[in-house]
């Protein structure tokens, strides 16, 4: 199984911050933009389906459902569909306790729901996703090729910092580099580290990582996600090279 991080969109927070503080932008607006950039759960008991399915099959189905919503569903319908998928993901996590992969994917779905919802009301979802990733790392940080580190790093560089939220560019770099060390050829860790470098004003350093994302080996059964991520990597490369 392979991982898919919630896709943040550009631009970054650079235009809205000066010396780490909001510049003429309300905290509500800043958080809304950050959560939209994550364009990154409900709590239900484990369903009979979740109990019956093996963890690998259940996570594979979550992956597929997520990529269809993310890349093939009209924007107006995504929030409702991510809400339903978050409930399903929570049931799978509860049905397979002490396994990292379901927690990672519940976190991804919750992050994506927060990105669609936006605003201060989504901050609780972002914090929930952070806890899910941290719990997955405690169980097995290497699960899904280190995907929890990658997804957690995305949160740290996409959400606003204190006092609005917990964003921290230095923490993000540490987590994203850890993900790269575990999966150096992977499409997601290379893409998101490249985007992090662009957003932290080091576009020249980002180029080799974005090129690796474009040329990353295909993931079996992940054609939709791979095609979408490569398109995003190419678009960011074009922007950097202008």
C-alpha atoms as a PDB file:
ATOM      1  CA  UNK A   1       0.000   0.000   0.000  1.00  0.00           C
ATOM      2  CA  UNK A   2       1.127   3.515  -0.651  1.00  0.00           C
ATOM      3  CA  UNK A   3       0.351   6.882   0.745  1.00  0.00           C
ATOM      4  CA  UNK A   4      -1.308  10.007  -0.490  1.00  0.00           C
ATOM      5  CA  UNK A   5      -0.987  13.268   1.366  1.00  0.00           C
ATOM      6  CA  UNK A   6      -3.768  15.794   1.328  1.00  0.00           C
ATOM      7  CA  UNK A   7      -2.962  18.126  -1.562  1.00  0.00           C
ATOM      8  CA  UNK A   8      -2.230  21.683  -0.500  1.00  0.00           C
ATOM      9  CA  UNK A   9      -2.847  24.314  -3.162  1.00  0.00           C
ATOM     10  CA  UNK A  10      -0.838  27.462  -3.863  1.00  0.00           C
ATOM     11  CA  UNK A  11      -0.225  30.235  -2.966  1.00  0.00           C
ATOM     12  CA  UNK A  12       1.369  29.877   0.447  1.00  0.00           C
ATOM     13  CA  UNK A  13       1.124  32.123   3.486  1.00  0.00           C
ATOM     14  CA  UNK A  14       4.092  34.247   2.344  1.00  0.00           C
ATOM     15  CA  UNK A  15       1.948  37.107   1.075  1.00  0.00           C
ATOM     16  CA  UNK A  16       0.030  37.376   4.337  1.00  0.00           C
ATOM     17  CA  UNK A  17       2.850  37.332   6.889  1.00  0.00           C
ATOM     18  CA  UNK A  18       5.587  39.691   7.968  1.00  0.00           C
ATOM     19  CA  UNK A  19       8.180  38.468  10.470  1.00  0.00           C
ATOM     20  CA  UNK A  20       5.898  35.601  11.404  1.00  0.00           C
ATOM     21  CA  UNK A  21       2.872  37.822  12.161  1.00  0.00           C
ATOM     22  CA  UNK A  22      -0.291  38.465  10.118  1.00  0.00           C
ATOM     23  CA  UNK A  23      -0.054  41.579   7.968  1.00  0.00           C
ATOM     24  CA  UNK A  24      -3.404  43.302   7.436  1.00  0.00           C
ATOM     25  CA  UNK A  25      -5.093  39.938   7.250  1.00  0.00           C
ATOM     26  CA  UNK A  26      -7.507  38.815   9.937  1.00  0.00           C
ATOM     27  CA  UNK A  27      -6.699  35.654  11.807  1.00  0.00           C
ATOM     28  CA  UNK A  28      -9.922  34.137  10.516  1.00  0.00           C
ATOM     29  CA  UNK A  29      -8.959  34.874   6.910  1.00  0.00           C
ATOM     30  CA  UNK A  30      -5.435  33.546   7.436  1.00  0.00           C
ATOM     31  CA  UNK A  31      -6.696  30.303   8.918  1.00  0.00           C
ATOM     32  CA  UNK A  32      -9.243  29.913   6.122  1.00  0.00           C
ATOM     33  CA  UNK A  33      -6.509  30.250   3.495  1.00  0.00           C
ATOM     34  CA  UNK A  34      -4.264  27.846   5.334  1.00  0.00           C
ATOM     35  CA  UNK A  35      -6.944  25.225   5.681  1.00  0.00           C
ATOM     36  CA  UNK A  36      -7.914  25.665   2.051  1.00  0.00           C
ATOM     37  CA  UNK A  37      -4.287  25.023   1.224  1.00  0.00           C
ATOM     38  CA  UNK A  38      -4.478  21.723   2.959  1.00  0.00           C
ATOM     39  CA  UNK A  39      -7.028  20.785   0.409  1.00  0.00           C
ATOM     40  CA  UNK A  40      -5.858  18.390   3.271  1.00  0.00           C
ATOM     41  CA  UNK A  41     -13.845  13.509  11.191  1.00  0.00           C
ATOM     42  CA  UNK A  42     -16.678  12.259  12.272  1.00  0.00           C
ATOM     43  CA  UNK A  43     -16.556   9.798  15.197  1.00  0.00           C
ATOM     44  CA  UNK A  44     -18.557   6.635  14.638  1.00  0.00           C
ATOM     45  CA  UNK A  45     -18.262   3.164  16.053  1.00  0.00           C
ATOM     46  CA  UNK A  46     -16.655   0.458  13.965  1.00  0.00           C
ATOM     47  CA  UNK A  47     -19.059  -0.825  11.360  1.00  0.00           C
ATOM     48  CA  UNK A  48     -19.654  -4.512  10.628  1.00  0.00           C
ATOM     49  CA  UNK A  49     -17.944  -3.954   7.255  1.00  0.00           C
ATOM     50  CA  UNK A  50     -14.840  -2.541   8.944  1.00  0.00           C
ATOM     51  CA  UNK A  51     -14.636  -5.483  11.346  1.00  0.00           C
ATOM     52  CA  UNK A  52     -14.940  -7.995   8.548  1.00  0.00           C
ATOM     53  CA  UNK A  53     -12.420  -6.476   6.168  1.00  0.00           C
ATOM     54  CA  UNK A  54      -8.712  -6.935   6.665  1.00  0.00           C
ATOM     55  CA  UNK A  55      -6.707  -3.811   7.448  1.00  0.00           C
ATOM     56  CA  UNK A  56      -4.832  -3.879   4.130  1.00  0.00           C
ATOM     57  CA  UNK A  57      -7.993  -4.179   2.046  1.00  0.00           C
ATOM     58  CA  UNK A  58      -9.762  -1.529   4.088  1.00  0.00           C
ATOM     59  CA  UNK A  59      -6.920   0.959   3.742  1.00  0.00           C
ATOM     60  CA  UNK A  60      -6.624   0.258   0.008  1.00  0.00           C
ATOM     61  CA  UNK A  61     -10.309   1.101  -0.370  1.00  0.00           C
ATOM     62  CA  UNK A  62      -9.856   4.331   1.591  1.00  0.00           C
ATOM     63  CA  UNK A  63      -6.964   5.267  -0.701  1.00  0.00           C
ATOM     64  CA  UNK A  64      -9.100   4.734  -3.771  1.00  0.00           C
ATOM     65  CA  UNK A  65     -12.099   6.593  -2.352  1.00  0.00           C
ATOM     66  CA  UNK A  66      -9.883   9.514  -1.335  1.00  0.00           C
ATOM     67  CA  UNK A  67      -8.268   9.918  -4.749  1.00  0.00           C
ATOM     68  CA  UNK A  68     -11.618   9.790  -6.548  1.00  0.00           C
ATOM     69  CA  UNK A  69     -12.951  12.556  -4.304  1.00  0.00           C
ATOM     70  CA  UNK A  70      -9.762  14.606  -4.493  1.00  0.00           C
ATOM     71  CA  UNK A  71      -9.138  14.395  -8.226  1.00  0.00           C
ATOM     72  CA  UNK A  72     -12.421  13.462  -9.902  1.00  0.00           C
ATOM     73  CA  UNK A  73     -15.229  14.983  -7.807  1.00  0.00           C
ATOM     74  CA  UNK A  74     -16.597  18.506  -8.374  1.00  0.00           C
ATOM     75  CA  UNK A  75     -15.438  20.947  -5.697  1.00  0.00           C
ATOM     76  CA  UNK A  76     -18.981  21.625  -4.512  1.00  0.00           C
ATOM     77  CA  UNK A  77     -19.457  17.972  -3.573  1.00  0.00           C
ATOM     78  CA  UNK A  78     -16.143  17.256  -1.874  1.00  0.00           C
ATOM     79  CA  UNK A  79     -16.908  18.381   1.670  1.00  0.00           C
ATOM     80  CA  UNK A  80     -19.968  16.156   1.990  1.00  0.00           C
ATOM     81  CA  UNK A  81     -18.144  13.185   0.517  1.00  0.00           C
ATOM     82  CA  UNK A  82     -15.096  13.668   2.711  1.00  0.00           C
ATOM     83  CA  UNK A  83     -17.385  13.810   5.757  1.00  0.00           C
ATOM     84  CA  UNK A  84     -18.785  10.395   4.868  1.00  0.00           C
ATOM     85  CA  UNK A  85     -15.324   9.032   4.151  1.00  0.00           C
ATOM     86  CA  UNK A  86     -14.028  10.358   7.493  1.00  0.00           C
ATOM     87  CA  UNK A  87     -16.726   8.386   9.295  1.00  0.00           C
ATOM     88  CA  UNK A  88     -15.758   5.276   7.369  1.00  0.00           C
ATOM     89  CA  UNK A  89     -12.061   5.839   8.088  1.00  0.00           C
ATOM     90  CA  UNK A  90     -12.737   6.206  11.812  1.00  0.00           C
ATOM     91  CA  UNK A  91     -14.614   2.923  11.839  1.00  0.00           C
ATOM     92  CA  UNK A  92     -11.671   1.203  10.159  1.00  0.00           C
ATOM     93  CA  UNK A  93      -9.207   2.665  12.677  1.00  0.00           C
ATOM     94  CA  UNK A  94     -11.333   1.410  15.557  1.00  0.00           C
ATOM     95  CA  UNK A  95     -11.703  -2.004  13.966  1.00  0.00           C
ATOM     96  CA  UNK A  96      -7.914  -2.344  13.641  1.00  0.00           C
ATOM     97  CA  UNK A  97      -6.444  -0.904  16.859  1.00  0.00           C
ATOM     98  CA  UNK A  98      -2.694  -0.587  17.273  1.00  0.00           C
ATOM     99  CA  UNK A  99      -2.131  -0.508  13.512  1.00  0.00           C
ATOM    100  CA  UNK A 100      -0.544   2.568  12.015  1.00  0.00           C
ATOM    101  CA  UNK A 101      -1.863   2.510   8.439  1.00  0.00           C
ATOM    102  CA  UNK A 102      -5.570   3.052   9.269  1.00  0.00           C
ATOM    103  CA  UNK A 103      -4.618   5.973  11.536  1.00  0.00           C
ATOM    104  CA  UNK A 104      -2.544   7.543   8.762  1.00  0.00           C
ATOM    105  CA  UNK A 105      -5.408   7.349   6.336  1.00  0.00           C
ATOM    106  CA  UNK A 106      -7.963   8.591   8.825  1.00  0.00           C
ATOM    107  CA  UNK A 107      -5.642  11.563   9.326  1.00  0.00           C
ATOM    108  CA  UNK A 108      -5.415  12.180   5.583  1.00  0.00           C
ATOM    109  CA  UNK A 109      -9.177  12.142   5.172  1.00  0.00           C
ATOM    110  CA  UNK A 110      -9.706  14.405   8.192  1.00  0.00           C
ATOM    111  CA  UNK A 111      -7.072  16.839   6.880  1.00  0.00           C
ATOM    112  CA  UNK A 112      -8.772  16.888   3.499  1.00  0.00           C
ATOM    113  CA  UNK A 113     -12.141  17.532   5.132  1.00  0.00           C
ATOM    114  CA  UNK A 114     -10.611  20.461   7.035  1.00  0.00           C
ATOM    115  CA  UNK A 115      -9.288  21.858   3.783  1.00  0.00           C
ATOM    116  CA  UNK A 116     -12.731  21.743   2.195  1.00  0.00           C
ATOM    117  CA  UNK A 117     -14.483  23.164   5.256  1.00  0.00           C
ATOM    118  CA  UNK A 118     -12.084  26.046   5.897  1.00  0.00           C
ATOM    119  CA  UNK A 119     -12.306  28.748   8.521  1.00  0.00           C
ATOM    120  CA  UNK A 120     -11.830  28.622  12.267  1.00  0.00           C
ATOM    121  CA  UNK A 121     -14.397  25.829  12.478  1.00  0.00           C
ATOM    122  CA  UNK A 122     -11.926  23.497  10.763  1.00  0.00           C
ATOM    123  CA  UNK A 123      -9.136  24.061  13.277  1.00  0.00           C
ATOM    124  CA  UNK A 124     -10.424  21.226  15.457  1.00  0.00           C
ATOM    125  CA  UNK A 125     -10.204  18.864  12.481  1.00  0.00           C
ATOM    126  CA  UNK A 126      -6.613  19.885  11.796  1.00  0.00           C
ATOM    127  CA  UNK A 127      -5.681  19.227  15.426  1.00  0.00           C
ATOM    128  CA  UNK A 128      -7.454  15.886  15.228  1.00  0.00           C
ATOM    129  CA  UNK A 129      -5.446  14.951  12.145  1.00  0.00           C
ATOM    130  CA  UNK A 130      -2.213  15.911  13.885  1.00  0.00           C
ATOM    131  CA  UNK A 131      -3.062  13.583  16.783  1.00  0.00           C
ATOM    132  CA  UNK A 132      -3.852  10.733  14.391  1.00  0.00           C
ATOM    133  CA  UNK A 133      -0.488  11.103  12.631  1.00  0.00           C
ATOM    134  CA  UNK A 134       1.368  11.314  15.933  1.00  0.00           C
ATOM    135  CA  UNK A 135      -0.358   8.164  17.172  1.00  0.00           C
ATOM    136  CA  UNK A 136       0.542   6.362  13.942  1.00  0.00           C
ATOM    137  CA  UNK A 137       4.196   7.357  14.354  1.00  0.00           C
ATOM    138  CA  UNK A 138       4.210   6.039  17.904  1.00  0.00           C
ATOM    139  CA  UNK A 139       2.942   2.683  16.642  1.00  0.00           C
ATOM    140  CA  UNK A 140       5.123   2.418  13.527  1.00  0.00           C
ATOM    141  CA  UNK A 141       6.622   5.493  11.914  1.00  0.00           C
ATOM    142  CA  UNK A 142       7.890   3.460   8.958  1.00  0.00           C
ATOM    143  CA  UNK A 143       4.394   2.244   8.003  1.00  0.00           C
ATOM    144  CA  UNK A 144       3.328   3.115   4.457  1.00  0.00           C
ATOM    145  CA  UNK A 145       6.890   4.216   3.675  1.00  0.00           C
ATOM    146  CA  UNK A 146       6.857   6.878   6.395  1.00  0.00           C
ATOM    147  CA  UNK A 147       3.629   8.502   5.240  1.00  0.00           C
ATOM    148  CA  UNK A 148       2.702   9.765   8.709  1.00  0.00           C
ATOM    149  CA  UNK A 149       5.864  11.883   8.808  1.00  0.00           C
ATOM    150  CA  UNK A 150       5.093  13.297   5.370  1.00  0.00           C
ATOM    151  CA  UNK A 151       1.474  14.138   6.147  1.00  0.00           C
ATOM    152  CA  UNK A 152       2.331  15.631   9.519  1.00  0.00           C
ATOM    153  CA  UNK A 153       5.027  17.754   7.897  1.00  0.00           C
ATOM    154  CA  UNK A 154       2.473  19.077   5.416  1.00  0.00           C
ATOM    155  CA  UNK A 155       0.241  20.163   8.296  1.00  0.00           C
ATOM    156  CA  UNK A 156       3.073  21.983  10.015  1.00  0.00           C
ATOM    157  CA  UNK A 157       3.978  24.051   6.968  1.00  0.00           C
ATOM    158  CA  UNK A 158       0.457  24.688   5.734  1.00  0.00           C
ATOM    159  CA  UNK A 159      -1.468  25.790   8.806  1.00  0.00           C
ATOM    160  CA  UNK A 160      -0.815  29.219  10.374  1.00  0.00           C
ATOM    161  CA  UNK A 161       1.537  29.466  13.322  1.00  0.00           C
ATOM    162  CA  UNK A 162       0.877  30.754  16.803  1.00  0.00           C
ATOM    163  CA  UNK A 163      -1.416  32.326  17.979  1.00  0.00           C
ATOM    164  CA  UNK A 164      -3.830  31.085  15.300  1.00  0.00           C
ATOM    165  CA  UNK A 165      -2.676  27.463  15.088  1.00  0.00           C
ATOM    166  CA  UNK A 166       0.393  25.234  15.454  1.00  0.00           C
ATOM    167  CA  UNK A 167       2.208  25.820  12.167  1.00  0.00           C
ATOM    168  CA  UNK A 168       6.005  25.597  12.376  1.00  0.00           C
ATOM    169  CA  UNK A 169       8.243  25.671   9.293  1.00  0.00           C
ATOM    170  CA  UNK A 170      11.265  24.230  11.127  1.00  0.00           C
ATOM    171  CA  UNK A 171       9.241  21.314  12.466  1.00  0.00           C
ATOM    172  CA  UNK A 172       7.812  20.790   8.995  1.00  0.00           C
ATOM    173  CA  UNK A 173      11.293  20.533   7.463  1.00  0.00           C
ATOM    174  CA  UNK A 174      12.365  17.962  10.050  1.00  0.00           C
ATOM    175  CA  UNK A 175       9.319  15.782   9.397  1.00  0.00           C
ATOM    176  CA  UNK A 176       9.461  16.054   5.607  1.00  0.00           C
ATOM    177  CA  UNK A 177      13.157  15.154   5.567  1.00  0.00           C
ATOM    178  CA  UNK A 178      12.402  12.119   7.736  1.00  0.00           C
ATOM    179  CA  UNK A 179       9.757  11.035   5.215  1.00  0.00           C
ATOM    180  CA  UNK A 180      12.263  11.441   2.386  1.00  0.00           C
ATOM    181  CA  UNK A 181      14.828   9.330   4.222  1.00  0.00           C
ATOM    182  CA  UNK A 182      12.275   6.509   4.425  1.00  0.00           C
ATOM    183  CA  UNK A 183      11.025   6.822   0.839  1.00  0.00           C
ATOM    184  CA  UNK A 184      13.618   8.740  -1.214  1.00  0.00           C
ATOM    185  CA  UNK A 185      12.090   7.910  -4.613  1.00  0.00           C
ATOM    186  CA  UNK A 186       8.453   8.375  -3.617  1.00  0.00           C
ATOM    187  CA  UNK A 187       6.237  10.802  -5.488  1.00  0.00           C
ATOM    188  CA  UNK A 188       4.623  12.323  -2.399  1.00  0.00           C
ATOM    189  CA  UNK A 189       7.673  13.020  -0.200  1.00  0.00           C
ATOM    190  CA  UNK A 190       9.532  14.539  -3.147  1.00  0.00           C
ATOM    191  CA  UNK A 191       6.591  16.660  -4.220  1.00  0.00           C
ATOM    192  CA  UNK A 192       5.796  18.016  -0.780  1.00  0.00           C
ATOM    193  CA  UNK A 193       9.406  18.706   0.141  1.00  0.00           C
ATOM    194  CA  UNK A 194       9.772  20.518  -3.171  1.00  0.00           C
ATOM    195  CA  UNK A 195       6.666  22.562  -2.473  1.00  0.00           C
ATOM    196  CA  UNK A 196       7.900  23.309   1.039  1.00  0.00           C
ATOM    197  CA  UNK A 197      11.127  24.681  -0.442  1.00  0.00           C
ATOM    198  CA  UNK A 198       9.162  26.849  -2.871  1.00  0.00           C
ATOM    199  CA  UNK A 199       6.984  28.196  -0.098  1.00  0.00           C
ATOM    200  CA  UNK A 200      10.004  28.954   2.087  1.00  0.00           C
ATOM    201  CA  UNK A 201      11.592  30.975  -0.737  1.00  0.00           C
ATOM    202  CA  UNK A 202      14.144  28.408  -1.935  1.00  0.00           C
ATOM    203  CA  UNK A 203      12.745  27.583  -5.374  1.00  0.00           C
ATOM    204  CA  UNK A 204      16.089  26.617  -6.937  1.00  0.00           C
ATOM    205  CA  UNK A 205      16.560  23.933  -4.281  1.00  0.00           C
ATOM    206  CA  UNK A 206      13.065  22.624  -5.012  1.00  0.00           C
ATOM    207  CA  UNK A 207      13.707  21.750  -8.658  1.00  0.00           C
ATOM    208  CA  UNK A 208      15.427  18.347  -8.207  1.00  0.00           C
ATOM    209  CA  UNK A 209      12.728  17.174  -5.793  1.00  0.00           C
ATOM    210  CA  UNK A 210       9.919  18.212  -8.111  1.00  0.00           C
ATOM    211  CA  UNK A 211      11.682  16.489 -11.009  1.00  0.00           C
ATOM    212  CA  UNK A 212      11.895  13.318  -8.923  1.00  0.00           C
ATOM    213  CA  UNK A 213       8.167  13.574  -8.243  1.00  0.00           C
ATOM    214  CA  UNK A 214       7.400  13.865 -11.955  1.00  0.00           C
ATOM    215  CA  UNK A 215       9.576  10.817 -12.695  1.00  0.00           C
ATOM    216  CA  UNK A 216       8.721   8.753  -9.619  1.00  0.00           C
ATOM    217  CA  UNK A 217       7.952   5.058 -10.161  1.00  0.00           C
ATOM    218  CA  UNK A 218       4.254   4.306 -10.556  1.00  0.00           C
ATOM    219  CA  UNK A 219       2.359   2.853  -7.617  1.00  0.00           C
ATOM    220  CA  UNK A 220       0.253  -0.240  -8.339  1.00  0.00           C
ATOM    221  CA  UNK A 221      -3.436   0.580  -8.179  1.00  0.00           C
ATOM    222  CA  UNK A 222      -2.782   4.301  -7.669  1.00  0.00           C
ATOM    223  CA  UNK A 223      -3.062   5.531 -11.240  1.00  0.00           C
ATOM    224  CA  UNK A 224      -5.521   8.330 -10.418  1.00  0.00           C
ATOM    225  CA  UNK A 225      -3.430   9.702  -7.575  1.00  0.00           C
ATOM    226  CA  UNK A 226      -0.159   9.381  -9.495  1.00  0.00           C
ATOM    227  CA  UNK A 227      -1.554  11.240 -12.501  1.00  0.00           C
ATOM    228  CA  UNK A 228      -2.912  14.029 -10.320  1.00  0.00           C
ATOM    229  CA  UNK A 229       0.273  14.424  -8.311  1.00  0.00           C
ATOM    230  CA  UNK A 230       2.485  14.465 -11.436  1.00  0.00           C
ATOM    231  CA  UNK A 231       0.302  17.182 -12.917  1.00  0.00           C
ATOM    232  CA  UNK A 232       0.724  19.220  -9.724  1.00  0.00           C
ATOM    233  CA  UNK A 233       4.483  18.695  -9.740  1.00  0.00           C
ATOM    234  CA  UNK A 234       4.756  19.786 -13.392  1.00  0.00           C
ATOM    235  CA  UNK A 235       2.677  22.895 -12.694  1.00  0.00           C
ATOM    236  CA  UNK A 236       4.893  23.863  -9.781  1.00  0.00           C
ATOM    237  CA  UNK A 237       8.029  23.224 -11.831  1.00  0.00           C
ATOM    238  CA  UNK A 238       6.685  25.511 -14.565  1.00  0.00           C
ATOM    239  CA  UNK A 239       6.037  28.210 -11.988  1.00  0.00           C
ATOM    240  CA  UNK A 240       9.549  27.896 -10.527  1.00  0.00           C
ATOM    241  CA  UNK A 241      11.203  28.058 -13.945  1.00  0.00           C
ATOM    242  CA  UNK A 242       9.460  31.189 -15.165  1.00  0.00           C
END
